[in-house]
């Protein structure tokens, strides 16, 4: 794990132990409170092995060649 991920785990643990608020955790991690709440939810569900990176977005820009429409007249 990277230093950043380790810091996230440490801060989220403090929030869960009620030694830090979500607002102060958001300030330390340079995130919004909503982002910290989402991290907490994932941290509670999956523990330290939660996926911190590569969370897919709702917007997909890439279209698979298999799904592309066939040209007219072919």
N, C-alpha and C. Protein backbone atom coordinates (compact mmCIF):
# COMPACT_ATOMS: atom_id res chain seq x y z
N UNK A 1 0.83 -1.18 0.00
CA UNK A 1 0.00 0.00 0.00
C UNK A 1 0.87 1.24 0.00
N UNK A 2 0.35 2.27 -0.60
CA UNK A 2 1.09 3.52 -0.65
C UNK A 2 0.93 4.28 0.67
N UNK A 3 1.74 5.31 0.84
CA UNK A 3 1.65 6.14 2.05
C UNK A 3 0.28 6.79 2.16
N UNK A 4 -0.25 7.20 1.02
CA UNK A 4 -1.56 7.85 1.00
C UNK A 4 -2.66 6.89 1.48
N UNK A 5 -2.61 5.65 1.02
CA UNK A 5 -3.59 4.67 1.43
C UNK A 5 -3.47 4.34 2.91
N UNK A 6 -2.25 4.27 3.41
CA UNK A 6 -2.04 4.01 4.83
C UNK A 6 -2.58 5.16 5.68
N UNK A 7 -2.40 6.39 5.18
CA UNK A 7 -2.93 7.54 5.91
C UNK A 7 -4.46 7.49 5.92
N UNK A 8 -5.06 7.10 4.83
CA UNK A 8 -6.52 6.98 4.78
C UNK A 8 -7.02 5.97 5.81
N UNK A 9 -6.36 4.83 5.89
CA UNK A 9 -6.76 3.80 6.85
C UNK A 9 -6.64 4.33 8.27
N UNK A 10 -5.57 5.02 8.56
CA UNK A 10 -5.35 5.57 9.90
C UNK A 10 -6.43 6.59 10.25
N UNK A 11 -6.72 7.48 9.33
CA UNK A 11 -7.72 8.53 9.59
C UNK A 11 -9.11 7.91 9.72
N UNK A 12 -9.46 6.97 8.85
CA UNK A 12 -10.77 6.33 8.93
C UNK A 12 -10.93 5.54 10.22
N UNK A 13 -9.86 4.94 10.69
CA UNK A 13 -9.91 4.23 11.96
C UNK A 13 -10.19 5.20 13.11
N UNK A 14 -9.58 6.36 13.06
CA UNK A 14 -9.83 7.37 14.08
C UNK A 14 -11.28 7.84 14.06
N UNK A 15 -11.84 7.97 12.86
CA UNK A 15 -13.25 8.39 12.75
C UNK A 15 -14.15 7.31 13.36
N UNK A 16 -13.85 6.06 13.07
CA UNK A 16 -14.67 4.97 13.60
C UNK A 16 -14.55 4.86 15.12
N UNK A 17 -13.39 5.20 15.66
CA UNK A 17 -13.19 5.17 17.11
C UNK A 17 -13.72 6.44 17.78
N UNK A 18 -14.28 7.35 16.97
CA UNK A 18 -14.83 8.62 17.43
C UNK A 18 -13.77 9.53 18.05
N UNK A 19 -12.53 9.39 17.59
CA UNK A 19 -11.47 10.29 18.02
C UNK A 19 -11.28 11.43 17.02
N UNK A 20 -12.01 11.36 15.89
CA UNK A 20 -11.93 12.38 14.85
C UNK A 20 -13.30 12.47 14.18
N UNK A 21 -13.69 13.66 13.78
CA UNK A 21 -14.96 13.83 13.08
C UNK A 21 -14.76 13.63 11.58
N UNK A 22 -15.88 13.44 10.90
CA UNK A 22 -15.83 13.28 9.44
C UNK A 22 -15.34 14.58 8.80
N UNK A 23 -15.73 15.70 9.36
CA UNK A 23 -15.32 16.99 8.80
C UNK A 23 -13.81 17.17 8.92
N UNK A 24 -13.25 16.85 10.08
CA UNK A 24 -11.80 17.00 10.23
C UNK A 24 -11.05 15.96 9.39
N UNK A 25 -11.63 14.76 9.25
CA UNK A 25 -11.02 13.75 8.39
C UNK A 25 -11.00 14.21 6.94
N UNK A 26 -12.08 14.86 6.52
CA UNK A 26 -12.14 15.37 5.15
C UNK A 26 -11.07 16.44 4.95
N UNK A 27 -10.85 17.25 5.96
CA UNK A 27 -9.83 18.29 5.86
C UNK A 27 -8.43 17.67 5.77
N UNK A 28 -8.16 16.67 6.61
CA UNK A 28 -6.84 16.02 6.63
C UNK A 28 -6.58 15.30 5.30
N UNK A 29 -7.60 14.63 4.78
CA UNK A 29 -7.43 13.85 3.55
C UNK A 29 -7.63 14.69 2.29
N UNK A 30 -7.97 15.97 2.47
CA UNK A 30 -8.20 16.88 1.35
C UNK A 30 -9.31 16.36 0.44
N UNK A 31 -10.45 16.03 1.07
CA UNK A 31 -11.63 15.51 0.38
C UNK A 31 -12.86 16.23 0.89
N UNK A 32 -13.98 15.93 0.27
CA UNK A 32 -15.24 16.43 0.79
C UNK A 32 -15.75 15.46 1.84
N UNK A 33 -16.70 15.92 2.64
CA UNK A 33 -17.26 15.04 3.68
C UNK A 33 -17.99 13.86 3.04
N UNK A 34 -18.61 14.10 1.90
CA UNK A 34 -19.31 13.02 1.20
C UNK A 34 -18.33 11.93 0.75
N UNK A 35 -17.17 12.34 0.26
CA UNK A 35 -16.17 11.35 -0.17
C UNK A 35 -15.69 10.53 1.02
N UNK A 36 -15.51 11.18 2.16
CA UNK A 36 -15.08 10.46 3.37
C UNK A 36 -16.16 9.49 3.81
N UNK A 37 -17.41 9.88 3.72
CA UNK A 37 -18.50 8.99 4.08
C UNK A 37 -18.53 7.76 3.18
N UNK A 38 -18.27 7.96 1.89
CA UNK A 38 -18.22 6.82 0.96
C UNK A 38 -17.05 5.90 1.28
N UNK A 39 -15.89 6.50 1.64
CA UNK A 39 -14.74 5.69 2.03
C UNK A 39 -15.04 4.90 3.30
N UNK A 40 -15.71 5.53 4.26
CA UNK A 40 -16.08 4.84 5.49
C UNK A 40 -16.99 3.66 5.21
N UNK A 41 -17.94 3.85 4.32
CA UNK A 41 -18.86 2.77 3.97
C UNK A 41 -18.10 1.59 3.38
N UNK A 42 -17.17 1.87 2.47
CA UNK A 42 -16.37 0.80 1.86
C UNK A 42 -15.44 0.17 2.89
N UNK A 43 -14.89 1.00 3.78
CA UNK A 43 -13.98 0.51 4.82
C UNK A 43 -14.71 -0.42 5.78
N UNK A 44 -15.94 -0.09 6.14
CA UNK A 44 -16.73 -0.94 7.02
C UNK A 44 -17.13 -2.24 6.34
N UNK A 45 -17.45 -2.17 5.06
CA UNK A 45 -17.90 -3.35 4.32
C UNK A 45 -16.76 -4.31 4.00
N UNK A 46 -15.60 -3.76 3.61
CA UNK A 46 -14.51 -4.60 3.11
C UNK A 46 -13.25 -4.55 3.96
N UNK A 47 -13.20 -3.67 4.93
CA UNK A 47 -12.01 -3.55 5.77
C UNK A 47 -10.89 -2.82 5.05
N UNK A 48 -9.67 -3.06 5.50
CA UNK A 48 -8.51 -2.38 4.93
C UNK A 48 -8.25 -2.78 3.49
N UNK A 49 -8.83 -3.89 3.06
CA UNK A 49 -8.63 -4.35 1.68
C UNK A 49 -9.60 -3.68 0.71
N UNK A 50 -10.34 -2.70 1.18
CA UNK A 50 -11.30 -2.00 0.32
C UNK A 50 -10.57 -1.38 -0.86
N UNK A 51 -11.24 -1.31 -1.97
CA UNK A 51 -10.63 -0.75 -3.18
C UNK A 51 -10.62 0.76 -3.08
N UNK A 52 -9.45 1.33 -2.89
CA UNK A 52 -9.32 2.77 -2.79
C UNK A 52 -9.17 3.39 -4.16
N UNK A 53 -8.66 2.64 -5.11
CA UNK A 53 -8.40 3.18 -6.44
C UNK A 53 -9.21 2.42 -7.46
N UNK A 54 -9.18 2.91 -8.65
CA UNK A 54 -9.82 2.30 -9.83
C UNK A 54 -11.28 1.97 -9.61
N UNK A 55 -12.00 2.86 -8.96
CA UNK A 55 -13.44 2.69 -8.86
C UNK A 55 -14.03 3.21 -10.16
N UNK A 56 -14.78 2.36 -10.87
CA UNK A 56 -15.28 2.79 -12.16
C UNK A 56 -16.25 3.96 -12.04
N UNK A 57 -16.20 4.84 -12.99
CA UNK A 57 -17.11 5.98 -13.00
C UNK A 57 -18.42 5.58 -13.66
N UNK A 58 -19.39 6.45 -13.56
CA UNK A 58 -20.68 6.20 -14.18
C UNK A 58 -20.66 6.50 -15.66
N UNK A 59 -19.69 7.26 -16.10
CA UNK A 59 -19.60 7.66 -17.50
C UNK A 59 -18.60 6.75 -18.21
N UNK A 60 -19.03 6.12 -19.27
CA UNK A 60 -18.16 5.25 -20.04
C UNK A 60 -17.88 5.92 -21.39
N UNK A 61 -16.63 6.14 -21.70
CA UNK A 61 -16.27 6.81 -22.95
C UNK A 61 -15.87 5.81 -24.03
N UNK A 62 -15.39 4.66 -23.63
CA UNK A 62 -14.89 3.69 -24.58
C UNK A 62 -16.01 2.76 -25.03
N UNK A 63 -16.13 2.56 -26.34
CA UNK A 63 -17.11 1.64 -26.89
C UNK A 63 -16.33 0.46 -27.45
N UNK A 64 -16.69 -0.73 -27.02
CA UNK A 64 -16.02 -1.93 -27.49
C UNK A 64 -16.26 -2.10 -28.98
N UNK A 65 -15.24 -2.55 -29.74
CA UNK A 65 -15.44 -2.76 -31.19
C UNK A 65 -16.56 -3.76 -31.47
N UNK A 66 -16.81 -4.69 -30.56
CA UNK A 66 -17.87 -5.66 -30.78
C UNK A 66 -19.25 -5.01 -30.71
N UNK A 67 -19.37 -3.92 -29.97
CA UNK A 67 -20.66 -3.27 -29.80
C UNK A 67 -20.90 -2.13 -30.79
N UNK A 68 -19.94 -1.85 -31.62
CA UNK A 68 -20.10 -0.78 -32.59
C UNK A 68 -21.07 -1.23 -33.68
N UNK A 69 -21.91 -0.33 -34.13
CA UNK A 69 -22.86 -0.72 -35.20
C UNK A 69 -22.12 -1.04 -36.50
N UNK A 70 -22.67 -1.96 -37.22
CA UNK A 70 -22.08 -2.33 -38.51
C UNK A 70 -22.40 -1.24 -39.54
N UNK A 71 -21.46 -0.96 -40.45
CA UNK A 71 -21.72 0.07 -41.46
C UNK A 71 -22.86 -0.35 -42.38
N UNK A 72 -23.62 0.63 -42.84
CA UNK A 72 -24.74 0.36 -43.74
C UNK A 72 -24.23 -0.20 -45.07
N UNK A 73 -24.93 -1.16 -45.60
CA UNK A 73 -24.55 -1.75 -46.88
C UNK A 73 -23.55 -2.87 -46.75
N UNK A 74 -23.20 -3.28 -45.56
CA UNK A 74 -22.23 -4.36 -45.39
C UNK A 74 -22.91 -5.64 -45.04
